[in-house]
Amino acid sequence: MVTPADLPDIRALLIAAARAGRDLSYSEMLLALGHRFSRPRMRALCRLLDQIDSEGRAAGEPELAVLVVRESDRLPGQGWWVGRSDAPADWTGPAARAFVTQRQHAAYAWWQDH
């Protein structure tokens, strides 16, 4: 299972992806951590992604969880969108793509400079 002990590895994978200017699918992330994809593991990963973003915000860093996406459409899963007051109403259309792209590019630029 993905646990809080994986936080440093998850953060390192996300920073490496940001510096490379790319996203990672949930499956890629879990495989890099030594796990096969399963819904329970993905949910555990998502909780840790939320924690990484919370800590990053406190440090003045852009969000990194936006880099973890579904393979089908390369957008973050539903949990990433919940509670976002600034998100478009449609989580899958062109507005969602533009919203995610802007945030991904912010992460790429920040981590390529740091």
PDB file of N, CA and C in Angstrom:
ATOM      1  N   MET A   1       0.843  -1.187   0.000  1.00  0.00           N
ATOM      2  CA  MET A   1       0.000   0.000   0.000  1.00  0.00           C
ATOM      3  C   MET A   1       0.885   1.246   0.000  1.00  0.00           C
ATOM      4  N   VAL A   2       0.400   2.297  -0.576  1.00  0.00           N
ATOM      5  CA  VAL A   2       1.072   3.581  -0.564  1.00  0.00           C
ATOM      6  C   VAL A   2       0.849   4.188   0.817  1.00  0.00           C
ATOM      7  N   THR A   3       1.944   4.620   1.463  1.00  0.00           N
ATOM      8  CA  THR A   3       1.851   5.126   2.836  1.00  0.00           C
ATOM      9  C   THR A   3       2.556   6.472   2.947  1.00  0.00           C
ATOM     10  N   PRO A   4       2.368   7.166   4.070  1.00  0.00           N
ATOM     11  CA  PRO A   4       3.077   8.430   4.273  1.00  0.00           C
ATOM     12  C   PRO A   4       4.603   8.302   4.159  1.00  0.00           C
ATOM     13  N   ALA A   5       5.132   7.113   4.378  1.00  0.00           N
ATOM     14  CA  ALA A   5       6.580   6.927   4.204  1.00  0.00           C
ATOM     15  C   ALA A   5       7.006   7.148   2.758  1.00  0.00           C
ATOM     16  N   ASP A   6       6.037   7.087   1.819  1.00  0.00           N
ATOM     17  CA  ASP A   6       6.326   7.305   0.394  1.00  0.00           C
ATOM     18  C   ASP A   6       6.356   8.787   0.009  1.00  0.00           C
ATOM     19  N   LEU A   7       5.990   9.673   0.932  1.00  0.00           N
ATOM     20  CA  LEU A   7       5.919  11.108   0.606  1.00  0.00           C
ATOM     21  C   LEU A   7       7.193  11.652  -0.041  1.00  0.00           C
ATOM     22  N   PRO A   8       8.377  11.405   0.512  1.00  0.00           N
ATOM     23  CA  PRO A   8       9.582  11.959  -0.127  1.00  0.00           C
ATOM     24  C   PRO A   8       9.785  11.438  -1.556  1.00  0.00           C
ATOM     25  N   ASP A   9       9.485  10.163  -1.777  1.00  0.00           N
ATOM     26  CA  ASP A   9       9.640   9.606  -3.121  1.00  0.00           C
ATOM     27  C   ASP A   9       8.615  10.188  -4.089  1.00  0.00           C
ATOM     28  N   ILE A  10       7.386  10.346  -3.630  1.00  0.00           N
ATOM     29  CA  ILE A  10       6.342  10.921  -4.482  1.00  0.00           C
ATOM     30  C   ILE A  10       6.707  12.349  -4.854  1.00  0.00           C
ATOM     31  N   ARG A  11       7.113  13.120  -3.863  1.00  0.00           N
ATOM     32  CA  ARG A  11       7.510  14.515  -4.120  1.00  0.00           C
ATOM     33  C   ARG A  11       8.674  14.570  -5.094  1.00  0.00           C
ATOM     34  N   ALA A  12       9.666  13.705  -4.915  1.00  0.00           N
ATOM     35  CA  ALA A  12      10.821  13.684  -5.822  1.00  0.00           C
ATOM     36  C   ALA A  12      10.400  13.328  -7.250  1.00  0.00           C
ATOM     37  N   LEU A  13       9.487  12.377  -7.403  1.00  0.00           N
ATOM     38  CA  LEU A  13       8.995  12.014  -8.730  1.00  0.00           C
ATOM     39  C   LEU A  13       8.260  13.179  -9.381  1.00  0.00           C
ATOM     40  N   LEU A  14       7.463  13.881  -8.591  1.00  0.00           N
ATOM     41  CA  LEU A  14       6.723  15.025  -9.122  1.00  0.00           C
ATOM     42  C   LEU A  14       7.652  16.159  -9.527  1.00  0.00           C
ATOM     43  N   ILE A  15       8.646  16.430  -8.713  1.00  0.00           N
ATOM     44  CA  ILE A  15       9.591  17.497  -9.047  1.00  0.00           C
ATOM     45  C   ILE A  15      10.380  17.130 -10.300  1.00  0.00           C
ATOM     46  N   ALA A  16      10.793  15.882 -10.416  1.00  0.00           N
ATOM     47  CA  ALA A  16      11.505  15.432 -11.623  1.00  0.00           C
ATOM     48  C   ALA A  16      10.615  15.569 -12.856  1.00  0.00           C
ATOM     49  N   ALA A  17       9.346  15.217 -12.726  1.00  0.00           N
ATOM     50  CA  ALA A  17       8.414  15.358 -13.850  1.00  0.00           C
ATOM     51  C   ALA A  17       8.247  16.831 -14.225  1.00  0.00           C
ATOM     52  N   ALA A  18       8.097  17.698 -13.214  1.00  0.00           N
ATOM     53  CA  ALA A  18       7.946  19.130 -13.480  1.00  0.00           C
ATOM     54  C   ALA A  18       9.184  19.675 -14.190  1.00  0.00           C
ATOM     55  N   ARG A  19      10.341  19.296 -13.732  1.00  0.00           N
ATOM     56  CA  ARG A  19      11.576  19.769 -14.365  1.00  0.00           C
ATOM     57  C   ARG A  19      11.703  19.261 -15.795  1.00  0.00           C
ATOM     58  N   ALA A  20      11.137  18.080 -16.068  1.00  0.00           N
ATOM     59  CA  ALA A  20      11.152  17.513 -17.423  1.00  0.00           C
ATOM     60  C   ALA A  20       9.998  18.046 -18.274  1.00  0.00           C
ATOM     61  N   GLY A  21       9.099  18.820 -17.653  1.00  0.00           N
ATOM     62  CA  GLY A  21       7.974  19.388 -18.387  1.00  0.00           C
ATOM     63  C   GLY A  21       6.955  18.344 -18.823  1.00  0.00           C
ATOM     64  N   ARG A  22       6.689  17.383 -17.935  1.00  0.00           N
ATOM     65  CA  ARG A  22       5.744  16.331 -18.299  1.00  0.00           C
ATOM     66  C   ARG A  22       4.831  15.978 -17.139  1.00  0.00           C
ATOM     67  N   ASP A  23       3.739  15.325 -17.483  1.00  0.00           N
ATOM     68  CA  ASP A  23       2.845  14.805 -16.461  1.00  0.00           C
ATOM     69  C   ASP A  23       3.125  13.319 -16.274  1.00  0.00           C
ATOM     70  N   LEU A  24       2.474  12.726 -15.284  1.00  0.00           N
ATOM     71  CA  LEU A  24       2.584  11.297 -14.994  1.00  0.00           C
ATOM     72  C   LEU A  24       1.177  10.752 -14.797  1.00  0.00           C
ATOM     73  N   SER A  25       0.904   9.589 -15.350  1.00  0.00           N
ATOM     74  CA  SER A  25      -0.393   8.980 -15.078  1.00  0.00           C
ATOM     75  C   SER A  25      -0.373   8.374 -13.677  1.00  0.00           C
ATOM     76  N   TYR A  26      -1.556   8.124 -13.156  1.00  0.00           N
ATOM     77  CA  TYR A  26      -1.646   7.472 -11.851  1.00  0.00           C
ATOM     78  C   TYR A  26      -0.910   6.134 -11.889  1.00  0.00           C
ATOM     79  N   SER A  27      -1.063   5.403 -12.978  1.00  0.00           N
ATOM     80  CA  SER A  27      -0.385   4.107 -13.120  1.00  0.00           C
ATOM     81  C   SER A  27       1.129   4.264 -13.127  1.00  0.00           C
ATOM     82  N   GLU A  28       1.631   5.252 -13.868  1.00  0.00           N
ATOM     83  CA  GLU A  28       3.080   5.501 -13.898  1.00  0.00           C
ATOM     84  C   GLU A  28       3.620   5.822 -12.510  1.00  0.00           C
ATOM     85  N   MET A  29       2.891   6.639 -11.793  1.00  0.00           N
ATOM     86  CA  MET A  29       3.322   7.035 -10.451  1.00  0.00           C
ATOM     87  C   MET A  29       3.365   5.819  -9.522  1.00  0.00           C
ATOM     88  N   LEU A  30       2.308   5.028  -9.542  1.00  0.00           N
ATOM     89  CA  LEU A  30       2.270   3.850  -8.681  1.00  0.00           C
ATOM     90  C   LEU A  30       3.357   2.847  -9.071  1.00  0.00           C
ATOM     91  N   LEU A  31       3.569   2.655 -10.358  1.00  0.00           N
ATOM     92  CA  LEU A  31       4.616   1.738 -10.812  1.00  0.00           C
ATOM     93  C   LEU A  31       5.992   2.216 -10.365  1.00  0.00           C
ATOM     94  N   ALA A  32       6.236   3.519 -10.453  1.00  0.00           N
ATOM     95  CA  ALA A  32       7.521   4.080 -10.005  1.00  0.00           C
ATOM     96  C   ALA A  32       7.736   3.867  -8.507  1.00  0.00           C
ATOM     97  N   LEU A  33       6.641   3.735  -7.769  1.00  0.00           N
ATOM     98  CA  LEU A  33       6.719   3.485  -6.326  1.00  0.00           C
ATOM     99  C   LEU A  33       6.761   1.986  -6.018  1.00  0.00           C
ATOM    100  N   GLY A  34       6.709   1.164  -7.058  1.00  0.00           N
ATOM    101  CA  GLY A  34       6.782  -0.286  -6.877  1.00  0.00           C
ATOM    102  C   GLY A  34       5.442  -0.967  -6.682  1.00  0.00           C
ATOM    103  N   HIS A  35       4.357  -0.308  -7.116  1.00  0.00           N
ATOM    104  CA  HIS A  35       3.008  -0.854  -6.935  1.00  0.00           C
ATOM    105  C   HIS A  35       2.302  -0.996  -8.278  1.00  0.00           C
ATOM    106  N   ARG A  36       1.465  -2.009  -8.375  1.00  0.00           N
ATOM    107  CA  ARG A  36       0.560  -2.112  -9.512  1.00  0.00           C
ATOM    108  C   ARG A  36      -0.642  -1.225  -9.225  1.00  0.00           C
ATOM    109  N   PHE A  37      -1.290  -0.770 -10.295  1.00  0.00           N
ATOM    110  CA  PHE A  37      -2.459   0.094 -10.129  1.00  0.00           C
ATOM    111  C   PHE A  37      -3.604  -0.675  -9.488  1.00  0.00           C
ATOM    112  N   SER A  38      -4.219  -0.043  -8.522  1.00  0.00           N
ATOM    113  CA  SER A  38      -5.498  -0.487  -7.967  1.00  0.00           C
ATOM    114  C   SER A  38      -6.202   0.757  -7.446  1.00  0.00           C
ATOM    115  N   ARG A  39      -7.514   0.706  -7.365  1.00  0.00           N
ATOM    116  CA  ARG A  39      -8.259   1.870  -6.860  1.00  0.00           C
ATOM    117  C   ARG A  39      -7.850   2.234  -5.431  1.00  0.00           C
ATOM    118  N   PRO A  40      -7.726   1.262  -4.516  1.00  0.00           N
ATOM    119  CA  PRO A  40      -7.302   1.637  -3.159  1.00  0.00           C
ATOM    120  C   PRO A  40      -5.922   2.310  -3.138  1.00  0.00           C
ATOM    121  N   ARG A  41      -4.994   1.830  -3.933  1.00  0.00           N
ATOM    122  CA  ARG A  41      -3.669   2.464  -3.980  1.00  0.00           C
ATOM    123  C   ARG A  41      -3.754   3.862  -4.578  1.00  0.00           C
ATOM    124  N   MET A  42      -4.597   4.013  -5.605  1.00  0.00           N
ATOM    125  CA  MET A  42      -4.748   5.335  -6.209  1.00  0.00           C
ATOM    126  C   MET A  42      -5.344   6.307  -5.195  1.00  0.00           C
ATOM    127  N   ARG A  43      -6.331   5.871  -4.433  1.00  0.00           N
ATOM    128  CA  ARG A  43      -6.927   6.756  -3.419  1.00  0.00           C
ATOM    129  C   ARG A  43      -5.899   7.129  -2.357  1.00  0.00           C
ATOM    130  N   ALA A  44      -5.078   6.162  -1.942  1.00  0.00           N
ATOM    131  CA  ALA A  44      -4.027   6.458  -0.961  1.00  0.00           C
ATOM    132  C   ALA A  44      -3.030   7.449  -1.550  1.00  0.00           C
ATOM    133  N   LEU A  45      -2.667   7.274  -2.818  1.00  0.00           N
ATOM    134  CA  LEU A  45      -1.769   8.204  -3.496  1.00  0.00           C
ATOM    135  C   LEU A  45      -2.383   9.603  -3.517  1.00  0.00           C
ATOM    136  N   CYS A  46      -3.648   9.696  -3.831  1.00  0.00           N
ATOM    137  CA  CYS A  46      -4.312  11.004  -3.903  1.00  0.00           C
ATOM    138  C   CYS A  46      -4.299  11.731  -2.563  1.00  0.00           C
ATOM    139  N   ARG A  47      -4.481  11.002  -1.471  1.00  0.00           N
ATOM    140  CA  ARG A  47      -4.398  11.644  -0.149  1.00  0.00           C
ATOM    141  C   ARG A  47      -3.005  12.235   0.072  1.00  0.00           C
ATOM    142  N   LEU A  48      -1.987  11.509  -0.358  1.00  0.00           N
ATOM    143  CA  LEU A  48      -0.622  12.010  -0.197  1.00  0.00           C
ATOM    144  C   LEU A  48      -0.345  13.179  -1.136  1.00  0.00           C
ATOM    145  N   LEU A  49      -0.924  13.156  -2.326  1.00  0.00           N
ATOM    146  CA  LEU A  49      -0.774  14.293  -3.243  1.00  0.00           C
ATOM    147  C   LEU A  49      -1.373  15.551  -2.632  1.00  0.00           C
ATOM    148  N   ASP A  50      -2.518  15.403  -1.979  1.00  0.00           N
ATOM    149  CA  ASP A  50      -3.133  16.552  -1.297  1.00  0.00           C
ATOM    150  C   ASP A  50      -2.197  17.093  -0.223  1.00  0.00           C
ATOM    151  N   GLN A  51      -1.567  16.209   0.518  1.00  0.00           N
ATOM    152  CA  GLN A  51      -0.637  16.631   1.573  1.00  0.00           C
ATOM    153  C   GLN A  51       0.570  17.345   0.969  1.00  0.00           C
ATOM    154  N   ILE A  52       1.105  16.821  -0.122  1.00  0.00           N
ATOM    155  CA  ILE A  52       2.249  17.456  -0.786  1.00  0.00           C
ATOM    156  C   ILE A  52       1.874  18.858  -1.244  1.00  0.00           C
ATOM    157  N   ASP A  53       0.686  19.002  -1.837  1.00  0.00           N
ATOM    158  CA  ASP A  53       0.264  20.333  -2.287  1.00  0.00           C
ATOM    159  C   ASP A  53       0.036  21.275  -1.123  1.00  0.00           C
ATOM    160  N   SER A  54      -0.514  20.780  -0.043  1.00  0.00           N
ATOM    161  CA  SER A  54      -0.738  21.626   1.132  1.00  0.00           C
ATOM    162  C   SER A  54       0.592  22.144   1.679  1.00  0.00           C
ATOM    163  N   GLU A  55       1.561  21.262   1.807  1.00  0.00           N
ATOM    164  CA  GLU A  55       2.891  21.658   2.280  1.00  0.00           C
ATOM    165  C   GLU A  55       3.567  22.593   1.279  1.00  0.00           C
ATOM    166  N   GLY A  56       3.388  22.345  -0.005  1.00  0.00           N
ATOM    167  CA  GLY A  56       3.969  23.204  -1.037  1.00  0.00           C
ATOM    168  C   GLY A  56       3.390  24.609  -0.997  1.00  0.00           C
ATOM    169  N   ARG A  57       2.066  24.700  -0.834  1.00  0.00           N
ATOM    170  CA  ARG A  57       1.431  26.028  -0.727  1.00  0.00           C
ATOM    171  C   ARG A  57       2.027  26.810   0.434  1.00  0.00           C
ATOM    172  N   ALA A  58       2.220  26.137   1.557  1.00  0.00           N
ATOM    173  CA  ALA A  58       2.786  26.801   2.735  1.00  0.00           C
ATOM    174  C   ALA A  58       4.204  27.289   2.465  1.00  0.00           C
ATOM    175  N   ALA A  59       4.916  26.632   1.557  1.00  0.00           N
ATOM    176  CA  ALA A  59       6.286  27.012   1.211  1.00  0.00           C
ATOM    177  C   ALA A  59       6.341  27.947   0.004  1.00  0.00           C
ATOM    178  N   GLY A  60       5.176  28.340  -0.523  1.00  0.00           N
ATOM    179  CA  GLY A  60       5.133  29.246  -1.666  1.00  0.00           C
ATOM    180  C   GLY A  60       5.399  28.576  -3.007  1.00  0.00           C
ATOM    181  N   GLU A  61       5.218  27.262  -3.073  1.00  0.00           N
ATOM    182  CA  GLU A  61       5.454  26.518  -4.311  1.00  0.00           C
ATOM    183  C   GLU A  61       4.144  26.285  -5.053  1.00  0.00           C
ATOM    184  N   PRO A  62       4.216  26.145  -6.371  1.00  0.00           N
ATOM    185  CA  PRO A  62       3.003  25.811  -7.125  1.00  0.00           C
ATOM    186  C   PRO A  62       2.599  24.360  -6.853  1.00  0.00           C
ATOM    187  N   GLU A  63       1.348  24.066  -7.100  1.00  0.00           N
ATOM    188  CA  GLU A  63       0.864  22.709  -6.856  1.00  0.00           C
ATOM    189  C   GLU A  63       1.540  21.704  -7.784  1.00  0.00           C
ATOM    190  N   LEU A  64       1.726  20.502  -7.280  1.00  0.00           N
ATOM    191  CA  LEU A  64       2.338  19.421  -8.050  1.00  0.00           C
ATOM    192  C   LEU A  64       1.338  18.321  -8.389  1.00  0.00           C
ATOM    193  N   ALA A  65       0.272  18.167  -7.608  1.00  0.00           N
ATOM    194  CA  ALA A  65      -0.695  17.103  -7.857  1.00  0.00           C
ATOM    195  C   ALA A  65      -1.328  17.219  -9.237  1.00  0.00           C
ATOM    196  N   VAL A  66      -1.358  18.411  -9.800  1.00  0.00           N
ATOM    197  CA  VAL A  66      -1.919  18.619 -11.132  1.00  0.00           C
ATOM    198  C   VAL A  66      -1.141  17.847 -12.202  1.00  0.00           C
ATOM    199  N   LEU A  67       0.054  17.398 -11.858  1.00  0.00           N
ATOM    200  CA  LEU A  67       0.864  16.645 -12.816  1.00  0.00           C
ATOM    201  C   LEU A  67       0.476  15.176 -12.881  1.00  0.00           C
ATOM    202  N   VAL A  68      -0.356  14.707 -11.962  1.00  0.00           N
ATOM    203  CA  VAL A  68      -0.778  13.305 -11.951  1.00  0.00           C
ATOM    204  C   VAL A  68      -2.153  13.226 -12.613  1.00  0.00           C
ATOM    205  N   VAL A  69      -2.219  12.482 -13.705  1.00  0.00           N
ATOM    206  CA  VAL A  69      -3.394  12.515 -14.574  1.00  0.00           C
ATOM    207  C   VAL A  69      -3.885  11.113 -14.947  1.00  0.00           C
ATOM    208  N   ARG A  70      -5.094  11.071 -15.448  1.00  0.00           N
ATOM    209  CA  ARG A  70      -5.644   9.835 -15.992  1.00  0.00           C
ATOM    210  C   ARG A  70      -5.003   9.565 -17.349  1.00  0.00           C
ATOM    211  N   GLU A  71      -4.785   8.318 -17.666  1.00  0.00           N
ATOM    212  CA  GLU A  71      -4.230   7.977 -18.978  1.00  0.00           C
ATOM    213  C   GLU A  71      -5.201   8.308 -20.098  1.00  0.00           C
ATOM    214  N   SER A  72      -6.490   8.182 -19.834  1.00  0.00           N
ATOM    215  CA  SER A  72      -7.503   8.332 -20.880  1.00  0.00           C
ATOM    216  C   SER A  72      -7.544   9.726 -21.492  1.00  0.00           C
ATOM    217  N   ASP A  73      -7.460  10.762 -20.665  1.00  0.00           N
ATOM    218  CA  ASP A  73      -7.592  12.130 -21.189  1.00  0.00           C
ATOM    219  C   ASP A  73      -6.507  13.084 -20.687  1.00  0.00           C
ATOM    220  N   ARG A  74      -5.559  12.555 -19.916  1.00  0.00           N
ATOM    221  CA  ARG A  74      -4.438  13.342 -19.380  1.00  0.00           C
ATOM    222  C   ARG A  74      -4.907  14.505 -18.508  1.00  0.00           C
ATOM    223  N   LEU A  75      -6.025  14.322 -17.822  1.00  0.00           N
ATOM    224  CA  LEU A  75      -6.519  15.295 -16.848  1.00  0.00           C
ATOM    225  C   LEU A  75      -6.512  14.655 -15.467  1.00  0.00           C
ATOM    226  N   PRO A  76      -6.370  15.457 -14.410  1.00  0.00           N
ATOM    227  CA  PRO A  76      -6.450  14.901 -13.055  1.00  0.00           C
ATOM    228  C   PRO A  76      -7.816  14.266 -12.810  1.00  0.00           C
ATOM    229  N   GLY A  77      -7.844  13.335 -11.888  1.00  0.00           N
ATOM    230  CA  GLY A  77      -9.089  12.672 -11.531  1.00  0.00           C
ATOM    231  C   GLY A  77     -10.018  13.586 -10.761  1.00  0.00           C
ATOM    232  N   GLN A  78     -11.218  13.098 -10.553  1.00  0.00           N
ATOM    233  CA  GLN A  78     -12.282  13.881  -9.940  1.00  0.00           C
ATOM    234  C   GLN A  78     -11.890  14.448  -8.577  1.00  0.00           C
ATOM    235  N   GLY A  79     -11.172  13.693  -7.779  1.00  0.00           N
ATOM    236  CA  GLY A  79     -10.804  14.166  -6.447  1.00  0.00           C
ATOM    237  C   GLY A  79      -9.993  15.447  -6.465  1.00  0.00           C
ATOM    238  N   TRP A  80      -9.200  15.639  -7.505  1.00  0.00           N
ATOM    239  CA  TRP A  80      -8.386  16.847  -7.618  1.00  0.00           C
ATOM    240  C   TRP A  80      -9.274  18.078  -7.802  1.00  0.00           C
ATOM    241  N   TRP A  81     -10.408  17.891  -8.453  1.00  0.00           N
ATOM    242  CA  TRP A  81     -11.291  19.008  -8.775  1.00  0.00           C
ATOM    243  C   TRP A  81     -12.214  19.402  -7.624  1.00  0.00           C
ATOM    244  N   VAL A  82     -12.530  18.474  -6.748  1.00  0.00           N
ATOM    245  CA  VAL A  82     -13.512  18.711  -5.685  1.00  0.00           C
ATOM    246  C   VAL A  82     -13.044  19.838  -4.761  1.00  0.00           C
ATOM    247  N   GLY A  83     -13.947  20.760  -4.514  1.00  0.00           N
ATOM    248  CA  GLY A  83     -13.665  21.848  -3.592  1.00  0.00           C
ATOM    249  C   GLY A  83     -12.911  23.021  -4.190  1.00  0.00           C
ATOM    250  N   ARG A  84     -12.632  22.976  -5.474  1.00  0.00           N
ATOM    251  CA  ARG A  84     -11.926  24.082  -6.134  1.00  0.00           C
ATOM    252  C   ARG A  84     -12.941  25.134  -6.567  1.00  0.00           C
ATOM    253  N   SER A  85     -12.876  26.284  -5.966  1.00  0.00           N
ATOM    254  CA  SER A  85     -13.819  27.350  -6.321  1.00  0.00           C
ATOM    255  C   SER A  85     -13.430  28.032  -7.630  1.00  0.00           C
ATOM    256  N   ASP A  86     -12.178  27.892  -8.038  1.00  0.00           N
ATOM    257  CA  ASP A  86     -11.711  28.548  -9.256  1.00  0.00           C
ATOM    258  C   ASP A  86     -11.760  27.650 -10.491  1.00  0.00           C
ATOM    259  N   ALA A  87     -12.230  26.413 -10.338  1.00  0.00           N
ATOM    260  CA  ALA A  87     -12.250  25.446 -11.438  1.00  0.00           C
ATOM    261  C   ALA A  87     -13.465  25.643 -12.329  1.00  0.00           C
ATOM    262  N   PRO A  88     -13.331  25.286 -13.603  1.00  0.00           N
ATOM    263  CA  PRO A  88     -14.496  25.330 -14.490  1.00  0.00           C
ATOM    264  C   PRO A  88     -15.531  24.289 -14.051  1.00  0.00           C
ATOM    265  N   ALA A  89     -16.783  24.517 -14.425  1.00  0.00           N
ATOM    266  CA  ALA A  89     -17.852  23.602 -14.038  1.00  0.00           C
ATOM    267  C   ALA A  89     -17.679  22.223 -14.672  1.00  0.00           C
ATOM    268  N   ASP A  90     -17.198  22.182 -15.896  1.00  0.00           N
ATOM    269  CA  ASP A  90     -16.993  20.919 -16.602  1.00  0.00           C
ATOM    270  C   ASP A  90     -15.561  20.463 -16.391  1.00  0.00           C
ATOM    271  N   TRP A  91     -15.368  19.325 -15.774  1.00  0.00           N
ATOM    272  CA  TRP A  91     -14.038  18.822 -15.428  1.00  0.00           C
ATOM    273  C   TRP A  91     -13.375  18.047 -16.556  1.00  0.00           C
ATOM    274  N   THR A  92     -14.004  18.006 -17.729  1.00  0.00           N
ATOM    275  CA  THR A  92     -13.449  17.190 -18.810  1.00  0.00           C
ATOM    276  C   THR A  92     -13.347  17.909 -20.146  1.00  0.00           C
ATOM    277  N   GLY A  93     -13.879  19.070 -20.283  1.00  0.00           N
ATOM    278  CA  GLY A  93     -13.918  19.748 -21.567  1.00  0.00           C
ATOM    279  C   GLY A  93     -12.732  20.662 -21.818  1.00  0.00           C
ATOM    280  N   PRO A  94     -12.847  21.499 -22.832  1.00  0.00           N
ATOM    281  CA  PRO A  94     -11.765  22.412 -23.192  1.00  0.00           C
ATOM    282  C   PRO A  94     -11.388  23.387 -22.071  1.00  0.00           C
ATOM    283  N   ALA A  95     -12.362  23.839 -21.313  1.00  0.00           N
ATOM    284  CA  ALA A  95     -12.059  24.752 -20.209  1.00  0.00           C
ATOM    285  C   ALA A  95     -11.238  24.025 -19.141  1.00  0.00           C
ATOM    286  N   ALA A  96     -11.567  22.773 -18.883  1.00  0.00           N
ATOM    287  CA  ALA A  96     -10.791  21.977 -17.923  1.00  0.00           C
ATOM    288  C   ALA A  96      -9.367  21.786 -18.432  1.00  0.00           C
ATOM    289  N   ARG A  97      -9.217  21.496 -19.704  1.00  0.00           N
ATOM    290  CA  ARG A  97      -7.887  21.311 -20.295  1.00  0.00           C
ATOM    291  C   ARG A  97      -7.065  22.597 -20.139  1.00  0.00           C
ATOM    292  N   ALA A  98      -7.657  23.744 -20.422  1.00  0.00           N
ATOM    293  CA  ALA A  98      -6.942  25.022 -20.301  1.00  0.00           C
ATOM    294  C   ALA A  98      -6.567  25.285 -18.843  1.00  0.00           C
ATOM    295  N   PHE A  99      -7.473  25.015 -17.930  1.00  0.00           N
ATOM    296  CA  PHE A  99      -7.233  25.210 -16.496  1.00  0.00           C
ATOM    297  C   PHE A  99      -6.046  24.369 -16.025  1.00  0.00           C
ATOM    298  N   VAL A 100      -6.039  23.095 -16.400  1.00  0.00           N
ATOM    299  CA  VAL A 100      -4.968  22.178 -16.005  1.00  0.00           C
ATOM    300  C   VAL A 100      -3.654  22.569 -16.673  1.00  0.00           C
ATOM    301  N   THR A 101      -3.692  22.883 -17.951  1.00  0.00           N
ATOM    302  CA  THR A 101      -2.476  23.255 -18.675  1.00  0.00           C
ATOM    303  C   THR A 101      -1.806  24.459 -18.038  1.00  0.00           C
ATOM    304  N   GLN A 102      -2.592  25.455 -17.649  1.00  0.00           N
ATOM    305  CA  GLN A 102      -2.029  26.655 -17.022  1.00  0.00           C
ATOM    306  C   GLN A 102      -1.315  26.288 -15.724  1.00  0.00           C
ATOM    307  N   ARG A 103      -1.926  25.448 -14.920  1.00  0.00           N
ATOM    308  CA  ARG A 103      -1.316  25.057 -13.646  1.00  0.00           C
ATOM    309  C   ARG A 103      -0.108  24.147 -13.840  1.00  0.00           C
ATOM    310  N   GLN A 104      -0.179  23.269 -14.829  1.00  0.00           N
ATOM    311  CA  GLN A 104       0.977  22.417 -15.115  1.00  0.00           C
ATOM    312  C   GLN A 104       2.158  23.273 -15.577  1.00  0.00           C
ATOM    313  N   HIS A 105       1.903  24.217 -16.441  1.00  0.00           N
ATOM    314  CA  HIS A 105       2.988  25.074 -16.935  1.00  0.00           C
ATOM    315  C   HIS A 105       3.590  25.922 -15.819  1.00  0.00           C
ATOM    316  N   ALA A 106       2.770  26.327 -14.858  1.00  0.00           N
ATOM    317  CA  ALA A 106       3.298  27.056 -13.698  1.00  0.00           C
ATOM    318  C   ALA A 106       4.253  26.161 -12.909  1.00  0.00           C
ATOM    319  N   ALA A 107       3.888  24.906 -12.726  1.00  0.00           N
ATOM    320  CA  ALA A 107       4.769  23.965 -12.009  1.00  0.00           C
ATOM    321  C   ALA A 107       6.044  23.711 -12.807  1.00  0.00           C
ATOM    322  N   TYR A 108       5.905  23.517 -14.113  1.00  0.00           N
ATOM    323  CA  TYR A 108       7.096  23.282 -14.950  1.00  0.00           C
ATOM    324  C   TYR A 108       8.066  24.452 -14.834  1.00  0.00           C
ATOM    325  N   ALA A 109       7.549  25.650 -15.001  1.00  0.00           N
ATOM    326  CA  ALA A 109       8.408  26.849 -14.989  1.00  0.00           C
ATOM    327  C   ALA A 109       9.068  27.024 -13.627  1.00  0.00           C
ATOM    328  N   TRP A 110       8.303  26.873 -12.562  1.00  0.00           N
ATOM    329  CA  TRP A 110       8.862  27.089 -11.229  1.00  0.00           C
ATOM    330  C   TRP A 110       9.961  26.091 -10.939  1.00  0.00           C
ATOM    331  N   TRP A 111       9.707  24.813 -11.187  1.00  0.00           N
ATOM    332  CA  TRP A 111      10.693  23.785 -10.841  1.00  0.00           C
ATOM    333  C   TRP A 111      11.870  23.764 -11.800  1.00  0.00           C
ATOM    334  N   GLN A 112      11.716  24.267 -12.996  1.00  0.00           N
ATOM    335  CA  GLN A 112      12.864  24.366 -13.906  1.00  0.00           C
ATOM    336  C   GLN A 112      13.795  25.495 -13.480  1.00  0.00           C
ATOM    337  N   ASP A 113      13.245  26.452 -12.711  1.00  0.00           N
ATOM    338  CA  ASP A 113      14.057  27.569 -12.207  1.00  0.00           C
ATOM    339  C   ASP A 113      14.591  27.336 -10.805  1.00  0.00           C
ATOM    340  N   HIS A 114      14.152  26.287 -10.120  1.00  0.00           N
ATOM    341  CA  HIS A 114      14.569  26.042  -8.725  1.00  0.00           C
ATOM    342  C   HIS A 114      15.247  24.710  -8.598  1.00  0.00           C
TER     343      HIS A 114
END
